C-alpha atoms as a PDB file:
ATOM      1  CA  UNK A   1     -52.637 -72.264  47.050  1.00  0.00           C
ATOM      2  CA  UNK A   2     -52.953 -68.814  48.568  1.00  0.00           C
ATOM      3  CA  UNK A   3     -52.323 -66.773  45.410  1.00  0.00           C
ATOM      4  CA  UNK A   4     -55.533 -64.758  45.324  1.00  0.00           C
ATOM      5  CA  UNK A   5     -55.451 -63.982  49.045  1.00  0.00           C
ATOM      6  CA  UNK A   6     -51.834 -62.814  48.929  1.00  0.00           C
ATOM      7  CA  UNK A   7     -52.399 -60.828  45.730  1.00  0.00           C
ATOM      8  CA  UNK A   8     -55.370 -59.031  47.265  1.00  0.00           C
ATOM      9  CA  UNK A   9     -53.512 -58.404  50.561  1.00  0.00           C
ATOM     10  CA  UNK A  10     -50.807 -56.682  48.522  1.00  0.00           C
ATOM     11  CA  UNK A  11     -53.425 -54.605  46.702  1.00  0.00           C
ATOM     12  CA  UNK A  12     -52.469 -56.019  43.309  1.00  0.00           C
ATOM     13  CA  UNK A  13     -54.721 -56.600  40.338  1.00  0.00           C
ATOM     14  CA  UNK A  14     -54.156 -59.529  38.000  1.00  0.00           C
ATOM     15  CA  UNK A  15     -52.649 -57.232  35.311  1.00  0.00           C
ATOM     16  CA  UNK A  16     -50.246 -55.801  37.890  1.00  0.00           C
ATOM     17  CA  UNK A  17     -49.155 -59.303  38.907  1.00  0.00           C
ATOM     18  CA  UNK A  18     -48.663 -60.161  35.230  1.00  0.00           C
ATOM     19  CA  UNK A  19     -46.241 -57.227  34.966  1.00  0.00           C
ATOM     20  CA  UNK A  20     -44.368 -58.158  38.142  1.00  0.00           C
ATOM     21  CA  UNK A  21     -44.119 -61.888  37.499  1.00  0.00           C
ATOM     22  CA  UNK A  22     -44.016 -62.311  33.732  1.00  0.00           C
ATOM     23  CA  UNK A  23     -46.687 -64.999  34.121  1.00  0.00           C
ATOM     24  CA  UNK A  24     -49.484 -64.712  31.528  1.00  0.00           C
ATOM     25  CA  UNK A  25     -52.841 -63.371  32.696  1.00  0.00           C
ATOM     26  CA  UNK A  26     -54.679 -66.550  31.720  1.00  0.00           C
ATOM     27  CA  UNK A  27     -52.229 -68.652  33.735  1.00  0.00           C
ATOM     28  CA  UNK A  28     -52.756 -66.516  36.844  1.00  0.00           C
ATOM     29  CA  UNK A  29     -56.519 -66.759  36.415  1.00  0.00           C
ATOM     30  CA  UNK A  30     -56.280 -70.545  36.060  1.00  0.00           C
ATOM     31  CA  UNK A  31     -54.045 -70.843  39.131  1.00  0.00           C
ATOM     32  CA  UNK A  32     -56.525 -68.832  41.195  1.00  0.00           C
ATOM     33  CA  UNK A  33     -59.434 -70.900  39.857  1.00  0.00           C
ATOM     34  CA  UNK A  34     -57.923 -74.392  39.974  1.00  0.00           C
ATOM     35  CA  UNK A  35     -55.583 -73.849  42.926  1.00  0.00           C
ATOM     36  CA  UNK A  36     -52.631 -75.582  41.247  1.00  0.00           C
ATOM     37  CA  UNK A  37     -49.695 -74.777  38.963  1.00  0.00           C
ATOM     38  CA  UNK A  38     -46.228 -75.881  37.924  1.00  0.00           C
ATOM     39  CA  UNK A  39     -43.307 -75.340  40.279  1.00  0.00           C
ATOM     40  CA  UNK A  40     -41.731 -72.950  37.779  1.00  0.00           C
ATOM     41  CA  UNK A  41     -44.864 -70.771  37.739  1.00  0.00           C
ATOM     42  CA  UNK A  42     -45.133 -70.904  41.532  1.00  0.00           C
ATOM     43  CA  UNK A  43     -41.538 -69.686  41.875  1.00  0.00           C
ATOM     44  CA  UNK A  44     -42.188 -66.736  39.565  1.00  0.00           C
ATOM     45  CA  UNK A  45     -45.369 -65.806  41.444  1.00  0.00           C
ATOM     46  CA  UNK A  46     -43.773 -66.175  44.888  1.00  0.00           C
ATOM     47  CA  UNK A  47     -40.814 -64.011  43.842  1.00  0.00           C
ATOM     48  CA  UNK A  48     -43.125 -61.342  42.404  1.00  0.00           C
ATOM     49  CA  UNK A  49     -45.230 -61.301  45.583  1.00  0.00           C
ATOM     50  CA  UNK A  50     -42.238 -61.359  47.926  1.00  0.00           C
ATOM     51  CA  UNK A  51     -43.290 -64.564  49.681  1.00  0.00           C
ATOM     52  CA  UNK A  52     -41.826 -68.034  50.033  1.00  0.00           C
ATOM     53  CA  UNK A  53     -43.128 -71.021  48.099  1.00  0.00           C
ATOM     54  CA  UNK A  54     -44.329 -72.363  51.420  1.00  0.00           C
ATOM     55  CA  UNK A  55     -46.410 -69.238  52.079  1.00  0.00           C
ATOM     56  CA  UNK A  56     -47.815 -69.326  48.567  1.00  0.00           C
ATOM     57  CA  UNK A  57     -48.563 -73.039  48.332  1.00  0.00           C
ATOM     58  CA  UNK A  58     -49.172 -74.478  51.774  1.00  0.00           C
ATOM     59  CA  UNK A  59     -52.737 -74.986  52.976  1.00  0.00           C
ATOM     60  CA  UNK A  60     -52.627 -73.047  56.243  1.00  0.00           C
ATOM     61  CA  UNK A  61     -56.041 -74.304  57.374  1.00  0.00           C
ATOM     62  CA  UNK A  62     -54.704 -77.854  57.601  1.00  0.00           C
ATOM     63  CA  UNK A  63     -51.831 -76.664  59.812  1.00  0.00           C
ATOM     64  CA  UNK A  64     -54.124 -74.663  62.088  1.00  0.00           C
ATOM     65  CA  UNK A  65     -56.391 -77.694  62.649  1.00  0.00           C
ATOM     66  CA  UNK A  66     -53.554 -79.797  64.117  1.00  0.00           C
END
């Protein structure tokens, strides 16, 4: 999951993403730490960040290695 990278690229803090997404702070911190979340949470985060689920969730390093 690319949440932290995308959040930082957009210049957003965790509290700002909480406001934009409606996802609790602890959930965002856990997603960034554990690199996994429910589909419902991923949709909210992707919408708030203005990215697709694919951009948020796909491991781009695996694609680049092919």
